[in-house]
Amino acid sequence: MTTAISAADLRTLSTDELRRLFADLPAPTLAEMDGEYAARLLAQPGWLAGRVGRAVLEGRLHHWLCKAFRPVDADGGRGYNTFLQGGQIVQRYPMLTLIAPSRFDGRPAYQLVYRGFHSACGSVHMVDEVRRVAPGLYLGMGTYGFSDAMRRTPYPFVLEGPVAPYRGDIGRPRAGFSIGPRELPALHAC
């Protein structure tokens, strides 16, 4: 069923429909997620989240182009987001990547943990989860916030690719950081 879904189909679904679909999808492998993947927001949980998300990511001065990843070893990898800003391509918001249980259903998901680096995304405890819809097509659920309740709200996005090679690691690591229950609660659940 999921192999017949296109990116255009994903753009027609509500946040609740996207979350239900996400629950049925498999996690990609670390090796599979290698390169830059074109990114776009999908339906957001409410009109305010939609307006804010599009203003932050799809504005005239700062336009989100992609997420990029590279495996580092068998257990994890690195990544970043790419934007068109002032006519220039820039990388921002570095992340650590790994396969870990989803906060939504406990099943494996490709996790993007931003807190490992100093950035605005790390400061708001952003963690994205990604699963494969079809070869080259991925559904993501972004989360962020300062409370458990805030971090349970999904902010869906779609990734397509890879469309280009990984450009290189960026970011300043956060000293002493280790992934904990705030980032991956299902991994640390008893």
C-alpha atoms as a PDB file:
ATOM      1  CA  MET A   1       0.000   0.000   0.000  1.00  0.00           C
ATOM      2  CA  THR A   2       2.626   2.570   0.997  1.00  0.00           C
ATOM      3  CA  THR A   3       4.755   2.048  -2.149  1.00  0.00           C
ATOM      4  CA  ALA A   4       1.999   3.635  -4.254  1.00  0.00           C
ATOM      5  CA  ILE A   5       2.070   6.884  -2.244  1.00  0.00           C
ATOM      6  CA  SER A   6       3.793   9.877  -3.843  1.00  0.00           C
ATOM      7  CA  ALA A   7       5.059  13.161  -2.398  1.00  0.00           C
ATOM      8  CA  ALA A   8       2.031  14.830  -3.987  1.00  0.00           C
ATOM      9  CA  ASP A   9      -0.228  12.374  -2.132  1.00  0.00           C
ATOM     10  CA  LEU A  10       1.481  13.216   1.165  1.00  0.00           C
ATOM     11  CA  ARG A  11       0.766  16.914   0.588  1.00  0.00           C
ATOM     12  CA  THR A  12      -2.985  16.172   0.529  1.00  0.00           C
ATOM     13  CA  LEU A  13      -3.077  14.418   3.929  1.00  0.00           C
ATOM     14  CA  SER A  14      -3.924  15.978   7.291  1.00  0.00           C
ATOM     15  CA  THR A  15      -1.534  15.848  10.240  1.00  0.00           C
ATOM     16  CA  ASP A  16      -3.584  13.011  11.777  1.00  0.00           C
ATOM     17  CA  GLU A  17      -3.557  11.040   8.509  1.00  0.00           C
ATOM     18  CA  LEU A  18       0.201  11.544   8.198  1.00  0.00           C
ATOM     19  CA  ARG A  19       0.733  10.357  11.771  1.00  0.00           C
ATOM     20  CA  ARG A  20      -1.331   7.214  11.112  1.00  0.00           C
ATOM     21  CA  LEU A  21       0.644   6.531   7.927  1.00  0.00           C
ATOM     22  CA  PHE A  22       3.923   7.103   9.806  1.00  0.00           C
ATOM     23  CA  ALA A  23       2.947   4.344  12.260  1.00  0.00           C
ATOM     24  CA  ASP A  24       2.810   1.813   9.390  1.00  0.00           C
ATOM     25  CA  LEU A  25       6.148   2.696   7.782  1.00  0.00           C
ATOM     26  CA  PRO A  26       9.587   1.099   8.232  1.00  0.00           C
ATOM     27  CA  ALA A  27      12.698   2.943   9.360  1.00  0.00           C
ATOM     28  CA  PRO A  28      15.349   3.503   6.700  1.00  0.00           C
ATOM     29  CA  THR A  29      18.833   2.173   7.427  1.00  0.00           C
ATOM     30  CA  LEU A  30      21.705   4.401   8.477  1.00  0.00           C
ATOM     31  CA  ALA A  31      23.539   3.511   5.247  1.00  0.00           C
ATOM     32  CA  GLU A  32      20.495   4.437   3.139  1.00  0.00           C
ATOM     33  CA  MET A  33      20.406   7.994   4.504  1.00  0.00           C
ATOM     34  CA  ASP A  34      23.462   9.412   2.771  1.00  0.00           C
ATOM     35  CA  GLY A  35      23.355  12.741   0.918  1.00  0.00           C
ATOM     36  CA  GLU A  36      21.042  15.745   0.675  1.00  0.00           C
ATOM     37  CA  TYR A  37      17.277  15.192   0.612  1.00  0.00           C
ATOM     38  CA  ALA A  38      14.895  17.873  -0.686  1.00  0.00           C
ATOM     39  CA  ALA A  39      12.637  18.924   2.198  1.00  0.00           C
ATOM     40  CA  ARG A  40       9.183  20.444   2.477  1.00  0.00           C
ATOM     41  CA  LEU A  41       6.670  20.957   5.259  1.00  0.00           C
ATOM     42  CA  LEU A  42       3.422  19.018   5.102  1.00  0.00           C
ATOM     43  CA  ALA A  43       0.133  19.711   6.923  1.00  0.00           C
ATOM     44  CA  GLN A  44       0.889  21.156  10.344  1.00  0.00           C
ATOM     45  CA  PRO A  45      -1.100  20.634  13.572  1.00  0.00           C
ATOM     46  CA  GLY A  46      -3.246  23.746  13.426  1.00  0.00           C
ATOM     47  CA  TRP A  47      -3.312  26.978  11.470  1.00  0.00           C
ATOM     48  CA  LEU A  48      -0.873  28.799  13.779  1.00  0.00           C
ATOM     49  CA  ALA A  49       1.755  26.034  13.543  1.00  0.00           C
ATOM     50  CA  GLY A  50       1.331  26.062   9.767  1.00  0.00           C
ATOM     51  CA  ARG A  51       1.777  29.817   9.487  1.00  0.00           C
ATOM     52  CA  VAL A  52       4.760  29.926  11.859  1.00  0.00           C
ATOM     53  CA  GLY A  53       6.428  26.904  10.256  1.00  0.00           C
ATOM     54  CA  ARG A  54       6.110  28.321   6.777  1.00  0.00           C
ATOM     55  CA  ALA A  55       7.242  31.785   7.892  1.00  0.00           C
ATOM     56  CA  VAL A  56      10.352  30.330   9.569  1.00  0.00           C
ATOM     57  CA  LEU A  57      11.245  27.762   6.892  1.00  0.00           C
ATOM     58  CA  GLU A  58       9.764  29.015   3.637  1.00  0.00           C
ATOM     59  CA  GLY A  59      10.112  32.807   3.792  1.00  0.00           C
ATOM     60  CA  ARG A  60      11.543  35.027   1.089  1.00  0.00           C
ATOM     61  CA  LEU A  61      14.787  35.704   2.967  1.00  0.00           C
ATOM     62  CA  HIS A  62      15.354  32.235   4.415  1.00  0.00           C
ATOM     63  CA  HIS A  63      14.077  29.220   2.427  1.00  0.00           C
ATOM     64  CA  TRP A  64      14.548  25.603   3.614  1.00  0.00           C
ATOM     65  CA  LEU A  65      15.951  23.427   0.846  1.00  0.00           C
ATOM     66  CA  CYS A  66      16.997  20.116   2.345  1.00  0.00           C
ATOM     67  CA  LYS A  67      18.197  17.915   5.148  1.00  0.00           C
ATOM     68  CA  ALA A  68      21.453  16.059   4.657  1.00  0.00           C
ATOM     69  CA  PHE A  69      22.934  12.997   6.327  1.00  0.00           C
ATOM     70  CA  ARG A  70      25.985  10.786   6.369  1.00  0.00           C
ATOM     71  CA  PRO A  71      26.599   7.587   8.295  1.00  0.00           C
ATOM     72  CA  VAL A  72      29.601   7.820  10.632  1.00  0.00           C
ATOM     73  CA  ASP A  73      29.654   4.204  11.831  1.00  0.00           C
ATOM     74  CA  ALA A  74      27.276   1.270  12.374  1.00  0.00           C
ATOM     75  CA  ASP A  75      25.529   3.088  15.236  1.00  0.00           C
ATOM     76  CA  GLY A  76      25.029   6.642  14.027  1.00  0.00           C
ATOM     77  CA  GLY A  77      25.749   9.551  11.773  1.00  0.00           C
ATOM     78  CA  ARG A  78      25.711  13.307  11.300  1.00  0.00           C
ATOM     79  CA  GLY A  79      23.584  15.770   9.409  1.00  0.00           C
ATOM     80  CA  TYR A  80      22.533  19.360   8.771  1.00  0.00           C
ATOM     81  CA  ASN A  81      19.802  21.450   7.131  1.00  0.00           C
ATOM     82  CA  THR A  82      20.437  23.576   4.041  1.00  0.00           C
ATOM     83  CA  PHE A  83      18.784  26.922   3.329  1.00  0.00           C
ATOM     84  CA  LEU A  84      18.794  29.504   0.574  1.00  0.00           C
ATOM     85  CA  GLN A  85      19.515  32.709   2.470  1.00  0.00           C
ATOM     86  CA  GLY A  86      20.170  36.043   0.823  1.00  0.00           C
ATOM     87  CA  GLY A  87      20.922  34.331  -2.473  1.00  0.00           C
ATOM     88  CA  GLN A  88      23.486  31.987  -0.877  1.00  0.00           C
ATOM     89  CA  ILE A  89      23.296  28.304   0.038  1.00  0.00           C
ATOM     90  CA  VAL A  90      24.060  27.859   3.761  1.00  0.00           C
ATOM     91  CA  GLN A  91      24.116  24.892   6.124  1.00  0.00           C
ATOM     92  CA  ARG A  92      22.550  25.270   9.566  1.00  0.00           C
ATOM     93  CA  TYR A  93      21.280  23.211  12.486  1.00  0.00           C
ATOM     94  CA  PRO A  94      23.650  20.235  12.750  1.00  0.00           C
ATOM     95  CA  MET A  95      22.363  16.959  14.162  1.00  0.00           C
ATOM     96  CA  LEU A  96      23.328  13.497  15.317  1.00  0.00           C
ATOM     97  CA  THR A  97      21.502  10.597  13.632  1.00  0.00           C
ATOM     98  CA  LEU A  98      20.702   7.076  14.802  1.00  0.00           C
ATOM     99  CA  ILE A  99      18.046   4.388  14.635  1.00  0.00           C
ATOM    100  CA  ALA A 100      16.012   4.345  17.864  1.00  0.00           C
ATOM    101  CA  PRO A 101      12.448   3.732  19.055  1.00  0.00           C
ATOM    102  CA  SER A 102       9.901   6.362  18.062  1.00  0.00           C
ATOM    103  CA  ARG A 103       8.368   8.551  20.757  1.00  0.00           C
ATOM    104  CA  PHE A 104       5.025   8.020  18.962  1.00  0.00           C
ATOM    105  CA  ASP A 105       4.832   4.215  18.785  1.00  0.00           C
ATOM    106  CA  GLY A 106       8.074   2.666  20.109  1.00  0.00           C
ATOM    107  CA  ARG A 107       8.978   1.167  16.717  1.00  0.00           C
ATOM    108  CA  PRO A 108      12.344   1.936  15.055  1.00  0.00           C
ATOM    109  CA  ALA A 109      12.718   5.307  13.327  1.00  0.00           C
ATOM    110  CA  TYR A 110      15.647   7.241  11.901  1.00  0.00           C
ATOM    111  CA  GLN A 111      16.171   9.881  14.599  1.00  0.00           C
ATOM    112  CA  LEU A 112      17.704  13.347  14.109  1.00  0.00           C
ATOM    113  CA  VAL A 113      18.868  14.706  17.476  1.00  0.00           C
ATOM    114  CA  TYR A 114      19.806  18.407  17.383  1.00  0.00           C
ATOM    115  CA  ARG A 115      20.737  18.855  21.065  1.00  0.00           C
ATOM    116  CA  GLY A 116      24.213  17.404  20.466  1.00  0.00           C
ATOM    117  CA  PHE A 117      25.248  20.718  18.868  1.00  0.00           C
ATOM    118  CA  HIS A 118      24.929  24.398  19.713  1.00  0.00           C
ATOM    119  CA  SER A 119      22.090  25.793  17.569  1.00  0.00           C
ATOM    120  CA  ALA A 120      18.580  27.177  17.873  1.00  0.00           C
ATOM    121  CA  CYS A 121      17.188  23.705  17.116  1.00  0.00           C
ATOM    122  CA  GLY A 122      19.338  22.170  19.840  1.00  0.00           C
ATOM    123  CA  SER A 123      18.230  24.834  22.299  1.00  0.00           C
ATOM    124  CA  VAL A 124      14.546  23.914  21.822  1.00  0.00           C
ATOM    125  CA  HIS A 125      15.255  20.156  22.125  1.00  0.00           C
ATOM    126  CA  MET A 126      14.286  19.417  18.520  1.00  0.00           C
ATOM    127  CA  VAL A 127      14.222  15.764  17.466  1.00  0.00           C
ATOM    128  CA  ASP A 128      12.952  14.631  14.069  1.00  0.00           C
ATOM    129  CA  GLU A 129      11.885  11.084  13.256  1.00  0.00           C
ATOM    130  CA  VAL A 130      11.980   9.723   9.690  1.00  0.00           C
ATOM    131  CA  ARG A 131      10.503   6.609   8.061  1.00  0.00           C
ATOM    132  CA  ARG A 132      10.526   5.359   4.459  1.00  0.00           C
ATOM    133  CA  VAL A 133       7.362   5.700   2.371  1.00  0.00           C
ATOM    134  CA  ALA A 134       8.993   4.359  -0.819  1.00  0.00           C
ATOM    135  CA  PRO A 135      12.529   4.295  -2.230  1.00  0.00           C
ATOM    136  CA  GLY A 136      13.706   7.920  -2.220  1.00  0.00           C
ATOM    137  CA  LEU A 137      10.595   9.185  -0.375  1.00  0.00           C
ATOM    138  CA  TYR A 138      10.506   9.691   3.399  1.00  0.00           C
ATOM    139  CA  LEU A 139       7.954  10.967   5.903  1.00  0.00           C
ATOM    140  CA  GLY A 140       9.287  12.893   8.880  1.00  0.00           C
ATOM    141  CA  MET A 141       7.740  13.968  12.159  1.00  0.00           C
ATOM    142  CA  GLY A 142       9.467  16.889  13.803  1.00  0.00           C
ATOM    143  CA  THR A 143       9.174  17.539  17.535  1.00  0.00           C
ATOM    144  CA  TYR A 144      10.465  20.254  19.828  1.00  0.00           C
ATOM    145  CA  GLY A 145       9.696  21.908  23.119  1.00  0.00           C
ATOM    146  CA  PHE A 146      10.539  22.245  26.765  1.00  0.00           C
ATOM    147  CA  SER A 147       7.968  19.810  28.170  1.00  0.00           C
ATOM    148  CA  ASP A 148       6.982  16.220  27.403  1.00  0.00           C
ATOM    149  CA  ALA A 149       3.559  17.423  26.223  1.00  0.00           C
ATOM    150  CA  MET A 150       5.122  19.915  23.786  1.00  0.00           C
ATOM    151  CA  ARG A 151       7.445  17.215  22.430  1.00  0.00           C
ATOM    152  CA  ARG A 152       4.515  14.886  21.637  1.00  0.00           C
ATOM    153  CA  THR A 153       3.126  17.244  18.970  1.00  0.00           C
ATOM    154  CA  PRO A 154       4.185  16.087  15.466  1.00  0.00           C
ATOM    155  CA  TYR A 155       5.220  18.588  12.783  1.00  0.00           C
ATOM    156  CA  PRO A 156       5.200  16.550   9.526  1.00  0.00           C
ATOM    157  CA  PHE A 157       7.597  17.044   6.623  1.00  0.00           C
ATOM    158  CA  VAL A 158       8.601  15.125   3.500  1.00  0.00           C
ATOM    159  CA  LEU A 159      12.091  14.288   2.237  1.00  0.00           C
ATOM    160  CA  GLU A 160      12.961  13.205  -1.312  1.00  0.00           C
ATOM    161  CA  GLY A 161      16.303  12.000  -2.546  1.00  0.00           C
ATOM    162  CA  PRO A 162      19.146  11.947  -2.254  1.00  0.00           C
ATOM    163  CA  VAL A 163      19.358  14.883  -4.650  1.00  0.00           C
ATOM    164  CA  ALA A 164      23.006  15.845  -3.984  1.00  0.00           C
ATOM    165  CA  PRO A 165      26.026  14.599  -2.033  1.00  0.00           C
ATOM    166  CA  TYR A 166      26.648  15.497   1.606  1.00  0.00           C
ATOM    167  CA  ARG A 167      28.627  18.767   1.750  1.00  0.00           C
ATOM    168  CA  GLY A 168      30.532  18.192   5.008  1.00  0.00           C
ATOM    169  CA  ASP A 169      30.037  18.286   8.752  1.00  0.00           C
ATOM    170  CA  ILE A 170      29.178  21.560  10.466  1.00  0.00           C
ATOM    171  CA  GLY A 171      28.550  22.688  14.014  1.00  0.00           C
ATOM    172  CA  ARG A 172      30.120  22.955  17.424  1.00  0.00           C
ATOM    173  CA  PRO A 173      29.389  19.918  19.637  1.00  0.00           C
ATOM    174  CA  ARG A 174      27.744  20.525  23.005  1.00  0.00           C
ATOM    175  CA  ALA A 175      30.320  19.495  25.648  1.00  0.00           C
ATOM    176  CA  GLY A 176      29.287  16.513  27.753  1.00  0.00           C
ATOM    177  CA  PHE A 177      26.101  15.841  25.793  1.00  0.00           C
ATOM    178  CA  SER A 178      24.667  12.335  25.758  1.00  0.00           C
ATOM    179  CA  ILE A 179      21.282  11.388  24.349  1.00  0.00           C
ATOM    180  CA  GLY A 180      18.792  11.087  27.183  1.00  0.00           C
ATOM    181  CA  PRO A 181      15.058  10.550  27.762  1.00  0.00           C
ATOM    182  CA  ARG A 182      14.214  14.133  26.783  1.00  0.00           C
ATOM    183  CA  GLU A 183      15.477  13.407  23.269  1.00  0.00           C
ATOM    184  CA  LEU A 184      14.490   9.739  22.943  1.00  0.00           C
ATOM    185  CA  PRO A 185      11.961   8.814  25.651  1.00  0.00           C
ATOM    186  CA  ALA A 186      11.079   5.409  24.147  1.00  0.00           C
ATOM    187  CA  LEU A 187      14.762   4.375  24.157  1.00  0.00           C
ATOM    188  CA  HIS A 188      15.028   5.113  27.881  1.00  0.00           C
ATOM    189  CA  ALA A 189      11.613   3.736  28.949  1.00  0.00           C
ATOM    190  CA  CYS A 190      11.687   0.861  31.425  1.00  0.00           C
END
